[in-house]
C-alpha atoms as a PDB file:
ATOM      1  CA  UNK A   1      -8.409 -14.636  -1.456  1.00  0.00           C
ATOM      2  CA  UNK A   2     -12.198 -14.074  -1.626  1.00  0.00           C
ATOM      3  CA  UNK A   3     -13.854 -11.127  -3.319  1.00  0.00           C
ATOM      4  CA  UNK A   4     -15.023  -8.346  -0.999  1.00  0.00           C
ATOM      5  CA  UNK A   5     -18.672  -7.411  -1.478  1.00  0.00           C
ATOM      6  CA  UNK A   6     -20.075  -5.668   1.602  1.00  0.00           C
ATOM      7  CA  UNK A   7     -17.659  -3.529   3.637  1.00  0.00           C
ATOM      8  CA  UNK A   8     -13.928  -3.002   4.170  1.00  0.00           C
ATOM      9  CA  UNK A   9     -12.315  -6.058   5.717  1.00  0.00           C
ATOM     10  CA  UNK A  10      -9.058  -7.934   6.189  1.00  0.00           C
ATOM     11  CA  UNK A  11      -8.102 -10.720   3.811  1.00  0.00           C
ATOM     12  CA  UNK A  12      -5.676 -13.422   4.922  1.00  0.00           C
ATOM     13  CA  UNK A  13      -3.588 -14.430   1.899  1.00  0.00           C
ATOM     14  CA  UNK A  14      -2.532 -17.956   2.897  1.00  0.00           C
ATOM     15  CA  UNK A  15      -1.774 -18.744   6.520  1.00  0.00           C
ATOM     16  CA  UNK A  16      -2.687 -17.375   9.922  1.00  0.00           C
ATOM     17  CA  UNK A  17       0.256 -16.992  12.301  1.00  0.00           C
ATOM     18  CA  UNK A  18      -1.318 -15.481  15.440  1.00  0.00           C
ATOM     19  CA  UNK A  19       1.943 -15.482  17.399  1.00  0.00           C
ATOM     20  CA  UNK A  20       3.828 -13.525  14.717  1.00  0.00           C
ATOM     21  CA  UNK A  21       3.966  -9.717  14.412  1.00  0.00           C
ATOM     22  CA  UNK A  22       0.963  -8.356  12.515  1.00  0.00           C
ATOM     23  CA  UNK A  23       1.678  -7.020   9.011  1.00  0.00           C
ATOM     24  CA  UNK A  24      -1.160  -4.898   7.592  1.00  0.00           C
ATOM     25  CA  UNK A  25      -1.000  -4.113   3.875  1.00  0.00           C
ATOM     26  CA  UNK A  26      -3.031  -1.230   2.436  1.00  0.00           C
ATOM     27  CA  UNK A  27      -3.453  -1.572  -1.358  1.00  0.00           C
ATOM     28  CA  UNK A  28      -3.513   0.877  -4.216  1.00  0.00           C
ATOM     29  CA  UNK A  29      -6.589   2.483  -5.724  1.00  0.00           C
ATOM     30  CA  UNK A  30      -8.069  -0.824  -6.910  1.00  0.00           C
ATOM     31  CA  UNK A  31      -8.659  -1.632  -3.239  1.00  0.00           C
ATOM     32  CA  UNK A  32      -8.896  -5.366  -3.895  1.00  0.00           C
ATOM     33  CA  UNK A  33      -6.099  -6.440  -1.577  1.00  0.00           C
ATOM     34  CA  UNK A  34      -5.227  -9.090  -4.176  1.00  0.00           C
ATOM     35  CA  UNK A  35      -1.992  -7.634  -5.565  1.00  0.00           C
ATOM     36  CA  UNK A  36       0.304  -8.501  -2.683  1.00  0.00           C
ATOM     37  CA  UNK A  37       0.274 -11.992  -4.185  1.00  0.00           C
ATOM     38  CA  UNK A  38       3.950 -12.204  -5.147  1.00  0.00           C
ATOM     39  CA  UNK A  39       5.117 -11.015  -1.711  1.00  0.00           C
ATOM     40  CA  UNK A  40       2.994 -13.058   0.687  1.00  0.00           C
ATOM     41  CA  UNK A  41       5.065 -16.225   0.742  1.00  0.00           C
ATOM     42  CA  UNK A  42       8.127 -14.284   1.844  1.00  0.00           C
ATOM     43  CA  UNK A  43       6.316 -12.032   4.312  1.00  0.00           C
ATOM     44  CA  UNK A  44       4.641 -14.976   6.019  1.00  0.00           C
ATOM     45  CA  UNK A  45       8.064 -16.200   7.164  1.00  0.00           C
ATOM     46  CA  UNK A  46       8.128 -13.289   9.617  1.00  0.00           C
ATOM     47  CA  UNK A  47       4.571 -11.944   9.897  1.00  0.00           C
ATOM     48  CA  UNK A  48       0.893 -12.646  10.294  1.00  0.00           C
ATOM     49  CA  UNK A  49      -0.258 -10.928   7.087  1.00  0.00           C
ATOM     50  CA  UNK A  50      -3.526  -9.080   6.540  1.00  0.00           C
ATOM     51  CA  UNK A  51      -4.562  -7.249   3.363  1.00  0.00           C
ATOM     52  CA  UNK A  52      -7.057  -4.439   3.799  1.00  0.00           C
ATOM     53  CA  UNK A  53      -9.698  -4.667   1.081  1.00  0.00           C
ATOM     54  CA  UNK A  54     -12.556  -2.403   0.020  1.00  0.00           C
ATOM     55  CA  UNK A  55     -15.688  -3.375  -1.913  1.00  0.00           C
ATOM     56  CA  UNK A  56     -15.712  -2.285  -5.535  1.00  0.00           C
ATOM     57  CA  UNK A  57     -18.625   0.081  -4.868  1.00  0.00           C
ATOM     58  CA  UNK A  58     -17.172   1.581  -1.673  1.00  0.00           C
ATOM     59  CA  UNK A  59     -17.463   5.384  -1.580  1.00  0.00           C
ATOM     60  CA  UNK A  60     -16.087   5.910   1.908  1.00  0.00           C
ATOM     61  CA  UNK A  61     -14.362   9.126   2.986  1.00  0.00           C
ATOM     62  CA  UNK A  62     -10.794   9.208   4.318  1.00  0.00           C
ATOM     63  CA  UNK A  63     -12.067   9.630   7.883  1.00  0.00           C
ATOM     64  CA  UNK A  64     -14.538   6.750   7.709  1.00  0.00           C
ATOM     65  CA  UNK A  65     -12.062   4.507   5.920  1.00  0.00           C
ATOM     66  CA  UNK A  66      -9.478   5.258   8.601  1.00  0.00           C
ATOM     67  CA  UNK A  67     -11.929   4.336  11.361  1.00  0.00           C
ATOM     68  CA  UNK A  68     -12.782   1.052   9.593  1.00  0.00           C
ATOM     69  CA  UNK A  69      -9.099   0.194   9.299  1.00  0.00           C
ATOM     70  CA  UNK A  70      -8.297   1.016  12.917  1.00  0.00           C
ATOM     71  CA  UNK A  71     -11.291  -1.016  14.132  1.00  0.00           C
ATOM     72  CA  UNK A  72     -10.039  -4.039  12.190  1.00  0.00           C
ATOM     73  CA  UNK A  73      -6.522  -3.691  13.595  1.00  0.00           C
ATOM     74  CA  UNK A  74      -7.788  -3.316  17.152  1.00  0.00           C
ATOM     75  CA  UNK A  75      -9.947  -6.420  16.703  1.00  0.00           C
ATOM     76  CA  UNK A  76      -6.823  -8.364  15.707  1.00  0.00           C
ATOM     77  CA  UNK A  77      -4.896  -7.000  18.693  1.00  0.00           C
ATOM     78  CA  UNK A  78      -7.705  -7.937  21.064  1.00  0.00           C
ATOM     79  CA  UNK A  79      -7.013 -11.567  20.138  1.00  0.00           C
ATOM     80  CA  UNK A  80      -3.250 -11.178  20.689  1.00  0.00           C
ATOM     81  CA  UNK A  81      -2.535  -7.877  22.460  1.00  0.00           C
ATOM     82  CA  UNK A  82       1.231  -8.008  22.866  1.00  0.00           C
ATOM     83  CA  UNK A  83       2.408  -8.260  19.274  1.00  0.00           C
ATOM     84  CA  UNK A  84       3.934  -5.555  17.106  1.00  0.00           C
ATOM     85  CA  UNK A  85       2.084  -3.990  14.175  1.00  0.00           C
ATOM     86  CA  UNK A  86       3.767  -3.154  10.874  1.00  0.00           C
ATOM     87  CA  UNK A  87       1.658  -0.882   8.644  1.00  0.00           C
ATOM     88  CA  UNK A  88       2.486  -0.956   4.924  1.00  0.00           C
ATOM     89  CA  UNK A  89       0.734   1.330   2.448  1.00  0.00           C
ATOM     90  CA  UNK A  90       1.269   1.335  -1.326  1.00  0.00           C
ATOM     91  CA  UNK A  91       0.181   4.269  -3.543  1.00  0.00           C
ATOM     92  CA  UNK A  92      -3.435   5.109  -2.469  1.00  0.00           C
ATOM     93  CA  UNK A  93      -2.795   2.906   0.562  1.00  0.00           C
ATOM     94  CA  UNK A  94       0.149   5.127   1.461  1.00  0.00           C
ATOM     95  CA  UNK A  95      -2.260   8.021   1.966  1.00  0.00           C
ATOM     96  CA  UNK A  96      -4.481   5.844   4.151  1.00  0.00           C
ATOM     97  CA  UNK A  97      -1.451   4.675   6.144  1.00  0.00           C
ATOM     98  CA  UNK A  98      -0.542   8.274   6.938  1.00  0.00           C
ATOM     99  CA  UNK A  99      -4.124   9.042   7.997  1.00  0.00           C
ATOM    100  CA  UNK A 100      -4.299   5.977  10.254  1.00  0.00           C
ATOM    101  CA  UNK A 101      -0.875   6.583  11.799  1.00  0.00           C
ATOM    102  CA  UNK A 102      -1.722  10.187  12.613  1.00  0.00           C
ATOM    103  CA  UNK A 103      -5.031   9.202  14.195  1.00  0.00           C
ATOM    104  CA  UNK A 104      -3.608   6.364  16.327  1.00  0.00           C
ATOM    105  CA  UNK A 105       0.198   6.576  16.278  1.00  0.00           C
ATOM    106  CA  UNK A 106       0.518   4.365  19.346  1.00  0.00           C
ATOM    107  CA  UNK A 107      -0.812   1.343  17.404  1.00  0.00           C
ATOM    108  CA  UNK A 108       2.077   1.092  14.958  1.00  0.00           C
ATOM    109  CA  UNK A 109       5.623  -0.042  15.645  1.00  0.00           C
ATOM    110  CA  UNK A 110       6.872   0.252  12.070  1.00  0.00           C
ATOM    111  CA  UNK A 111       5.485   2.000   8.962  1.00  0.00           C
ATOM    112  CA  UNK A 112       6.382   1.294   5.314  1.00  0.00           C
ATOM    113  CA  UNK A 113       5.287   3.663   2.528  1.00  0.00           C
ATOM    114  CA  UNK A 114       5.716   2.444  -1.052  1.00  0.00           C
ATOM    115  CA  UNK A 115       5.384   5.018  -3.858  1.00  0.00           C
ATOM    116  CA  UNK A 116       2.750   6.817  -1.745  1.00  0.00           C
ATOM    117  CA  UNK A 117       0.109   8.829  -3.605  1.00  0.00           C
ATOM    118  CA  UNK A 118       0.696  11.708  -1.177  1.00  0.00           C
ATOM    119  CA  UNK A 119       2.525  13.219  -4.171  1.00  0.00           C
ATOM    120  CA  UNK A 120      -0.504  13.107  -6.504  1.00  0.00           C
ATOM    121  CA  UNK A 121      -1.024  16.853  -6.597  1.00  0.00           C
ATOM    122  CA  UNK A 122       2.551  17.423  -7.725  1.00  0.00           C
ATOM    123  CA  UNK A 123       1.539  16.236 -11.195  1.00  0.00           C
ATOM    124  CA  UNK A 124      -0.642  18.940 -12.899  1.00  0.00           C
ATOM    125  CA  UNK A 125      -1.811  16.543 -15.626  1.00  0.00           C
ATOM    126  CA  UNK A 126      -3.096  14.100 -13.017  1.00  0.00           C
ATOM    127  CA  UNK A 127      -5.029  16.881 -11.306  1.00  0.00           C
ATOM    128  CA  UNK A 128      -6.535  17.870 -14.647  1.00  0.00           C
ATOM    129  CA  UNK A 129      -7.419  14.255 -15.387  1.00  0.00           C
ATOM    130  CA  UNK A 130      -9.096  13.967 -11.999  1.00  0.00           C
ATOM    131  CA  UNK A 131     -11.353  16.897 -12.812  1.00  0.00           C
ATOM    132  CA  UNK A 132     -12.209  15.495 -16.239  1.00  0.00           C
ATOM    133  CA  UNK A 133     -12.724  11.855 -15.237  1.00  0.00           C
ATOM    134  CA  UNK A 134     -16.408  12.235 -14.196  1.00  0.00           C
ATOM    135  CA  UNK A 135     -17.143  13.174 -17.826  1.00  0.00           C
ATOM    136  CA  UNK A 136     -15.503  10.098 -19.329  1.00  0.00           C
ATOM    137  CA  UNK A 137     -18.065   7.576 -20.686  1.00  0.00           C
ATOM    138  CA  UNK A 138     -18.270   4.358 -18.689  1.00  0.00           C
ATOM    139  CA  UNK A 139     -17.504   2.147 -21.706  1.00  0.00           C
ATOM    140  CA  UNK A 140     -14.097   3.836 -22.023  1.00  0.00           C
ATOM    141  CA  UNK A 141     -12.800   2.746 -18.594  1.00  0.00           C
ATOM    142  CA  UNK A 142     -11.718  -0.812 -19.519  1.00  0.00           C
ATOM    143  CA  UNK A 143      -9.768   0.627 -22.466  1.00  0.00           C
ATOM    144  CA  UNK A 144      -8.203   3.363 -20.353  1.00  0.00           C
ATOM    145  CA  UNK A 145      -7.095   0.801 -17.762  1.00  0.00           C
ATOM    146  CA  UNK A 146      -5.200  -1.054 -20.503  1.00  0.00           C
ATOM    147  CA  UNK A 147      -3.650   2.202 -21.756  1.00  0.00           C
ATOM    148  CA  UNK A 148      -2.574   3.100 -18.218  1.00  0.00           C
ATOM    149  CA  UNK A 149      -0.618  -0.132 -17.656  1.00  0.00           C
ATOM    150  CA  UNK A 150       2.717   1.143 -19.065  1.00  0.00           C
ATOM    151  CA  UNK A 151       2.519   4.140 -16.690  1.00  0.00           C
ATOM    152  CA  UNK A 152       1.647   1.989 -13.693  1.00  0.00           C
ATOM    153  CA  UNK A 153       4.259  -0.689 -14.209  1.00  0.00           C
ATOM    154  CA  UNK A 154       7.654  -1.553 -15.549  1.00  0.00           C
ATOM    155  CA  UNK A 155       5.963  -4.281 -17.572  1.00  0.00           C
ATOM    156  CA  UNK A 156       9.162  -6.057 -18.545  1.00  0.00           C
ATOM    157  CA  UNK A 157       9.863  -6.727 -14.862  1.00  0.00           C
ATOM    158  CA  UNK A 158       6.488  -8.404 -14.213  1.00  0.00           C
ATOM    159  CA  UNK A 159       5.511 -11.924 -15.243  1.00  0.00           C
ATOM    160  CA  UNK A 160       2.456 -12.232 -17.557  1.00  0.00           C
ATOM    161  CA  UNK A 161       0.201 -13.727 -14.869  1.00  0.00           C
ATOM    162  CA  UNK A 162       0.821 -10.747 -12.582  1.00  0.00           C
ATOM    163  CA  UNK A 163       0.246  -8.309 -15.452  1.00  0.00           C
ATOM    164  CA  UNK A 164      -3.153  -9.929 -16.001  1.00  0.00           C
ATOM    165  CA  UNK A 165      -3.887  -9.768 -12.283  1.00  0.00           C
ATOM    166  CA  UNK A 166      -3.079  -6.055 -12.249  1.00  0.00           C
ATOM    167  CA  UNK A 167      -5.305  -5.366 -15.252  1.00  0.00           C
ATOM    168  CA  UNK A 168      -8.146  -7.450 -13.775  1.00  0.00           C
ATOM    169  CA  UNK A 169      -7.871  -5.568 -10.469  1.00  0.00           C
ATOM    170  CA  UNK A 170      -8.023  -2.209 -12.254  1.00  0.00           C
ATOM    171  CA  UNK A 171     -10.985  -3.233 -14.394  1.00  0.00           C
ATOM    172  CA  UNK A 172     -12.861  -4.643 -11.382  1.00  0.00           C
ATOM    173  CA  UNK A 173     -13.477  -1.146 -10.009  1.00  0.00           C
ATOM    174  CA  UNK A 174     -16.522   0.611 -11.520  1.00  0.00           C
ATOM    175  CA  UNK A 175     -16.154   4.125 -12.973  1.00  0.00           C
ATOM    176  CA  UNK A 176     -18.056   5.800 -10.134  1.00  0.00           C
ATOM    177  CA  UNK A 177     -15.666   4.319  -7.581  1.00  0.00           C
ATOM    178  CA  UNK A 178     -12.613   5.224  -9.674  1.00  0.00           C
ATOM    179  CA  UNK A 179     -13.786   8.842  -9.830  1.00  0.00           C
ATOM    180  CA  UNK A 180     -14.443   8.877  -6.090  1.00  0.00           C
ATOM    181  CA  UNK A 181     -11.030   7.512  -5.156  1.00  0.00           C
ATOM    182  CA  UNK A 182      -9.232   9.817  -7.572  1.00  0.00           C
ATOM    183  CA  UNK A 183     -11.028  12.749  -5.940  1.00  0.00           C
ATOM    184  CA  UNK A 184      -9.998  11.437  -2.516  1.00  0.00           C
ATOM    185  CA  UNK A 185      -6.342  11.490  -3.546  1.00  0.00           C
ATOM    186  CA  UNK A 186      -6.712  14.976  -5.060  1.00  0.00           C
ATOM    187  CA  UNK A 187      -8.216  16.222  -1.788  1.00  0.00           C
ATOM    188  CA  UNK A 188      -5.711  14.402   0.444  1.00  0.00           C
ATOM    189  CA  UNK A 189      -4.018  16.907   2.675  1.00  0.00           C
ATOM    190  CA  UNK A 190      -1.920  16.623   5.805  1.00  0.00           C
ATOM    191  CA  UNK A 191      -0.288  19.530   7.595  1.00  0.00           C
ATOM    192  CA  UNK A 192       3.453  18.920   7.355  1.00  0.00           C
ATOM    193  CA  UNK A 193       3.869  19.747  11.043  1.00  0.00           C
ATOM    194  CA  UNK A 194       1.610  16.795  11.896  1.00  0.00           C
ATOM    195  CA  UNK A 195       4.116  14.398  10.365  1.00  0.00           C
ATOM    196  CA  UNK A 196       6.586  15.248  13.128  1.00  0.00           C
ATOM    197  CA  UNK A 197       4.311  13.271  15.483  1.00  0.00           C
ATOM    198  CA  UNK A 198       5.197  10.014  13.748  1.00  0.00           C
ATOM    199  CA  UNK A 199       8.352   9.061  15.611  1.00  0.00           C
ATOM    200  CA  UNK A 200       8.370   5.297  14.968  1.00  0.00           C
ATOM    201  CA  UNK A 201      10.776   3.938  12.315  1.00  0.00           C
ATOM    202  CA  UNK A 202       9.426   4.590   8.826  1.00  0.00           C
ATOM    203  CA  UNK A 203      10.777   3.154   5.583  1.00  0.00           C
ATOM    204  CA  UNK A 204      10.074   4.954   2.299  1.00  0.00           C
ATOM    205  CA  UNK A 205      10.402   2.877  -0.878  1.00  0.00           C
ATOM    206  CA  UNK A 206      10.468   4.719  -4.202  1.00  0.00           C
ATOM    207  CA  UNK A 207      10.672   3.279  -7.701  1.00  0.00           C
ATOM    208  CA  UNK A 208      13.109   5.302  -9.791  1.00  0.00           C
ATOM    209  CA  UNK A 209      11.166   4.431 -12.978  1.00  0.00           C
ATOM    210  CA  UNK A 210       7.750   5.395 -11.588  1.00  0.00           C
ATOM    211  CA  UNK A 211       6.024   7.067 -14.559  1.00  0.00           C
ATOM    212  CA  UNK A 212       2.771   7.741 -12.706  1.00  0.00           C
ATOM    213  CA  UNK A 213       3.959   9.713  -9.672  1.00  0.00           C
ATOM    214  CA  UNK A 214       7.139  11.609  -8.701  1.00  0.00           C
ATOM    215  CA  UNK A 215       7.844   8.984  -6.059  1.00  0.00           C
ATOM    216  CA  UNK A 216      11.563   9.674  -5.610  1.00  0.00           C
ATOM    217  CA  UNK A 217      10.954  13.381  -5.093  1.00  0.00           C
ATOM    218  CA  UNK A 218       8.148  12.600  -2.646  1.00  0.00           C
ATOM    219  CA  UNK A 219      10.303  10.174  -0.665  1.00  0.00           C
ATOM    220  CA  UNK A 220      12.986  12.855  -0.433  1.00  0.00           C
ATOM    221  CA  UNK A 221      10.382  15.309   0.869  1.00  0.00           C
ATOM    222  CA  UNK A 222       8.891  12.934   3.420  1.00  0.00           C
ATOM    223  CA  UNK A 223      12.237  11.796   4.788  1.00  0.00           C
ATOM    224  CA  UNK A 224      12.932  15.401   5.813  1.00  0.00           C
ATOM    225  CA  UNK A 225       9.590  15.682   7.622  1.00  0.00           C
ATOM    226  CA  UNK A 226       9.387  12.344   9.424  1.00  0.00           C
ATOM    227  CA  UNK A 227      11.734  12.228  12.441  1.00  0.00           C
ATOM    228  CA  UNK A 228      12.812   8.586  12.117  1.00  0.00           C
ATOM    229  CA  UNK A 229      12.524   7.823   8.400  1.00  0.00           C
ATOM    230  CA  UNK A 230      14.898   6.518   5.794  1.00  0.00           C
ATOM    231  CA  UNK A 231      14.565   6.146   2.053  1.00  0.00           C
ATOM    232  CA  UNK A 232      15.332   3.231  -0.252  1.00  0.00           C
ATOM    233  CA  UNK A 233      15.425   3.757  -4.005  1.00  0.00           C
ATOM    234  CA  UNK A 234      14.418   0.778  -6.150  1.00  0.00           C
ATOM    235  CA  UNK A 235      16.426   0.959  -9.377  1.00  0.00           C
ATOM    236  CA  UNK A 236      14.387   0.493 -12.576  1.00  0.00           C
ATOM    237  CA  UNK A 237      11.168  -0.171 -10.583  1.00  0.00           C
ATOM    238  CA  UNK A 238       7.822   1.273 -11.627  1.00  0.00           C
ATOM    239  CA  UNK A 239       4.808   2.325  -9.605  1.00  0.00           C
ATOM    240  CA  UNK A 240       3.505  -1.187  -8.901  1.00  0.00           C
ATOM    241  CA  UNK A 241       6.932  -2.386  -7.804  1.00  0.00           C
ATOM    242  CA  UNK A 242       5.671  -5.140  -5.474  1.00  0.00           C
ATOM    243  CA  UNK A 243       4.592  -7.152  -8.527  1.00  0.00           C
ATOM    244  CA  UNK A 244       8.090  -7.115  -9.987  1.00  0.00           C
ATOM    245  CA  UNK A 245      10.018 -10.367  -9.884  1.00  0.00           C
ATOM    246  CA  UNK A 246      13.222  -8.704  -8.663  1.00  0.00           C
ATOM    247  CA  UNK A 247      11.549  -6.967  -5.709  1.00  0.00           C
ATOM    248  CA  UNK A 248      11.314  -8.948  -2.472  1.00  0.00           C
ATOM    249  CA  UNK A 249       9.819  -6.847   0.299  1.00  0.00           C
ATOM    250  CA  UNK A 250      10.974  -9.069   3.154  1.00  0.00           C
ATOM    251  CA  UNK A 251      14.535  -9.041   1.830  1.00  0.00           C
ATOM    252  CA  UNK A 252      14.420  -5.244   1.635  1.00  0.00           C
ATOM    253  CA  UNK A 253      13.206  -5.005   5.234  1.00  0.00           C
ATOM    254  CA  UNK A 254      16.006  -7.330   6.347  1.00  0.00           C
ATOM    255  CA  UNK A 255      18.688  -5.499   4.375  1.00  0.00           C
ATOM    256  CA  UNK A 256      17.626  -2.189   5.919  1.00  0.00           C
ATOM    257  CA  UNK A 257      17.660  -3.622   9.472  1.00  0.00           C
ATOM    258  CA  UNK A 258      14.012  -2.609   9.653  1.00  0.00           C
ATOM    259  CA  UNK A 259      12.770  -5.746  11.415  1.00  0.00           C
ATOM    260  CA  UNK A 260      12.412  -5.902  15.174  1.00  0.00           C
ATOM    261  CA  UNK A 261      14.116  -8.820  16.928  1.00  0.00           C
ATOM    262  CA  UNK A 262      11.073 -11.129  16.920  1.00  0.00           C
ATOM    263  CA  UNK A 263      10.357 -10.708  13.191  1.00  0.00           C
ATOM    264  CA  UNK A 264      14.058 -10.972  12.372  1.00  0.00           C
ATOM    265  CA  UNK A 265      14.398 -14.226  14.326  1.00  0.00           C
ATOM    266  CA  UNK A 266      11.295 -15.699  12.694  1.00  0.00           C
ATOM    267  CA  UNK A 267      12.514 -14.780   9.218  1.00  0.00           C
ATOM    268  CA  UNK A 268      15.883 -16.370   9.899  1.00  0.00           C
ATOM    269  CA  UNK A 269      14.418 -19.559  11.413  1.00  0.00           C
ATOM    270  CA  UNK A 270      11.874 -20.018   8.623  1.00  0.00           C
ATOM    271  CA  UNK A 271      14.480 -19.353   5.938  1.00  0.00           C
ATOM    272  CA  UNK A 272      16.613 -22.167   7.355  1.00  0.00           C
ATOM    273  CA  UNK A 273      13.694 -24.608   7.601  1.00  0.00           C
ATOM    274  CA  UNK A 274      12.287 -23.939   4.119  1.00  0.00           C
END
């Protein structure tokens, strides 16, 4: 997938399937859209996949970022108006998914939240780090990204090439952008009563070995607030669980009966033909 240099956009990982349901992936704080790599081959059996990506120097607010995302989705639907939209947000992208769903709930047929960073403020040390990060010298960021890897990932469950991809994605974001996005997550706030408006099926995935965020506790909280949500715990998985070799997102969606009939039929037909 190409590097994003100007404004938020959609990346198409491999193939375009305009007659398939639209699957929109919102990435973590790196914003590259590149780290869905190990899941795209499976997802493309049932979906037309798009990865939302932000330029490395993007300092966009939640509201403006939400508008950019919704404009991109509506542009896709203008080409093929009748298809379903699955919105999938991981970590930072989970916060953006909630913002987008609350602003235009009618757009989304299914929502998937994976270790969402909506729980960021439940970790006092992370809040403290967010306040101190603007004072960290720029030269220290590449080193800190390396030191953060064991907290972000269950490294033993990720192949070396994907570990390198994760580190490269983290180091591709300049310090000013890192500070900005950390502050965005610190300031993220949604009235719990607003979540009752999201009545479409929602799947919450939480890694039980997430060392960065209290993802299991957050999934338990959200499942009580969202009217039509269910939770799936991923045993031994870390924060960046989609990079793990034992995690197959399409298989999880199938096992949880989370696919609508059209996506389910496509997944079945393409599994037989492959």
